[in-house]
Amino acid sequence: MKIKWQDYIEERKEVMMGKPVFKGTRLTVEHILKELGTGMSREEVLAGYPQITSEHLQAALLYSAAVIGMDETIYV
């Protein structure tokens, strides 16, 4: 199933200081990506955060790829 990350992730100034969160939650995309990056399995993440689904995890990966693909230099 092809998904769009925009259907699952939002940025609102009044929620988590504008960091990207999963829609309807205060759970940041950054936090979930860190959990995955430190070795937590997808199943462990989903069990630990029942408010998100496998599609949310896929959206987080797509979002991170989109951000990395931006034509913007972050290192000088």
C-alpha atoms as a PDB file:
ATOM      1  CA  MET A   1       0.000   0.000   0.000  1.00  0.00           C
ATOM      2  CA  LYS A   2       1.407   3.356  -1.016  1.00  0.00           C
ATOM      3  CA  ILE A   3       0.991   6.035   1.615  1.00  0.00           C
ATOM      4  CA  LYS A   4       1.730   9.736   1.833  1.00  0.00           C
ATOM      5  CA  TRP A   5       3.556  10.888   4.949  1.00  0.00           C
ATOM      6  CA  GLN A   6       1.415  14.044   4.956  1.00  0.00           C
ATOM      7  CA  ASP A   7      -1.584  11.910   5.923  1.00  0.00           C
ATOM      8  CA  TYR A   8       0.121  10.871   9.178  1.00  0.00           C
ATOM      9  CA  ILE A   9       2.464  13.693  10.211  1.00  0.00           C
ATOM     10  CA  GLU A  10       1.816  17.325  11.025  1.00  0.00           C
ATOM     11  CA  GLU A  11       3.613  20.349  12.439  1.00  0.00           C
ATOM     12  CA  ARG A  12       1.687  22.735  14.668  1.00  0.00           C
ATOM     13  CA  LYS A  13       3.275  25.545  16.659  1.00  0.00           C
ATOM     14  CA  GLU A  14       1.216  24.762  19.726  1.00  0.00           C
ATOM     15  CA  VAL A  15       2.188  21.066  19.823  1.00  0.00           C
ATOM     16  CA  MET A  16       5.720  20.085  20.877  1.00  0.00           C
ATOM     17  CA  MET A  17       7.072  23.499  19.846  1.00  0.00           C
ATOM     18  CA  GLY A  18       6.283  22.839  16.185  1.00  0.00           C
ATOM     19  CA  LYS A  19       8.254  19.614  15.850  1.00  0.00           C
ATOM     20  CA  PRO A  20       6.743  17.051  13.477  1.00  0.00           C
ATOM     21  CA  VAL A  21       4.321  14.795  15.363  1.00  0.00           C
ATOM     22  CA  PHE A  22       1.972  12.026  14.391  1.00  0.00           C
ATOM     23  CA  LYS A  23      -1.454  13.537  13.769  1.00  0.00           C
ATOM     24  CA  GLY A  24      -3.666  13.591  16.828  1.00  0.00           C
ATOM     25  CA  THR A  25      -0.763  12.869  19.207  1.00  0.00           C
ATOM     26  CA  ARG A  26       2.099  14.626  20.959  1.00  0.00           C
ATOM     27  CA  LEU A  27       4.459  11.851  19.862  1.00  0.00           C
ATOM     28  CA  THR A  28       7.306  13.258  17.783  1.00  0.00           C
ATOM     29  CA  VAL A  29       8.596  11.639  14.639  1.00  0.00           C
ATOM     30  CA  GLU A  30      12.101  12.329  15.962  1.00  0.00           C
ATOM     31  CA  HIS A  31      11.463  10.243  19.086  1.00  0.00           C
ATOM     32  CA  ILE A  32      10.188   7.249  17.133  1.00  0.00           C
ATOM     33  CA  LEU A  33      13.070   7.407  14.633  1.00  0.00           C
ATOM     34  CA  LYS A  34      15.523   7.483  17.553  1.00  0.00           C
ATOM     35  CA  GLU A  35      13.850   4.441  19.089  1.00  0.00           C
ATOM     36  CA  LEU A  36      14.219   2.568  15.796  1.00  0.00           C
ATOM     37  CA  GLY A  37      17.784   3.830  15.364  1.00  0.00           C
ATOM     38  CA  THR A  38      18.863   2.568  18.759  1.00  0.00           C
ATOM     39  CA  GLY A  39      17.741  -0.942  17.886  1.00  0.00           C
ATOM     40  CA  MET A  40      14.125  -1.127  18.983  1.00  0.00           C
ATOM     41  CA  SER A  41      12.196  -3.356  16.587  1.00  0.00           C
ATOM     42  CA  ARG A  42       9.095  -2.174  14.760  1.00  0.00           C
ATOM     43  CA  GLU A  43       7.056  -4.582  16.875  1.00  0.00           C
ATOM     44  CA  GLU A  44       8.504  -3.158  20.111  1.00  0.00           C
ATOM     45  CA  VAL A  45       7.775   0.397  18.998  1.00  0.00           C
ATOM     46  CA  LEU A  46       4.205  -0.475  18.070  1.00  0.00           C
ATOM     47  CA  ALA A  47       3.679  -2.298  21.385  1.00  0.00           C
ATOM     48  CA  GLY A  48       5.157   0.609  23.341  1.00  0.00           C
ATOM     49  CA  TYR A  49       3.171   3.290  21.518  1.00  0.00           C
ATOM     50  CA  PRO A  50      -0.303   1.876  20.841  1.00  0.00           C
ATOM     51  CA  GLN A  51      -1.502   5.176  19.372  1.00  0.00           C
ATOM     52  CA  ILE A  52       0.532   4.572  16.202  1.00  0.00           C
ATOM     53  CA  THR A  53       0.394   1.910  13.517  1.00  0.00           C
ATOM     54  CA  SER A  54       2.759   0.349  11.029  1.00  0.00           C
ATOM     55  CA  GLU A  55       1.650   3.017   8.547  1.00  0.00           C
ATOM     56  CA  HIS A  56       2.861   5.707  10.952  1.00  0.00           C
ATOM     57  CA  LEU A  57       6.306   4.085  11.010  1.00  0.00           C
ATOM     58  CA  GLN A  58       6.368   3.976   7.212  1.00  0.00           C
ATOM     59  CA  ALA A  59       5.303   7.632   7.123  1.00  0.00           C
ATOM     60  CA  ALA A  60       8.140   8.533   9.520  1.00  0.00           C
ATOM     61  CA  LEU A  61      10.675   6.935   7.185  1.00  0.00           C
ATOM     62  CA  LEU A  62       9.191   8.667   4.152  1.00  0.00           C
ATOM     63  CA  TYR A  63       9.195  11.992   6.017  1.00  0.00           C
ATOM     64  CA  SER A  64      12.844  11.620   7.005  1.00  0.00           C
ATOM     65  CA  ALA A  65      13.795  10.791   3.413  1.00  0.00           C
ATOM     66  CA  ALA A  66      11.919  13.878   2.205  1.00  0.00           C
ATOM     67  CA  VAL A  67      13.718  16.103   4.719  1.00  0.00           C
ATOM     68  CA  ILE A  68      17.127  14.691   3.825  1.00  0.00           C
ATOM     69  CA  GLY A  69      16.320  15.173   0.149  1.00  0.00           C
ATOM     70  CA  MET A  70      15.682  18.885   0.550  1.00  0.00           C
ATOM     71  CA  ASP A  71      18.059  21.189  -1.290  1.00  0.00           C
ATOM     72  CA  GLU A  72      19.305  22.760   1.888  1.00  0.00           C
ATOM     73  CA  THR A  73      22.761  22.540   3.424  1.00  0.00           C
ATOM     74  CA  ILE A  74      22.810  21.930   7.165  1.00  0.00           C
ATOM     75  CA  TYR A  75      26.603  21.748   7.545  1.00  0.00           C
ATOM     76  CA  VAL A  76      28.856  24.635   6.635  1.00  0.00           C
END
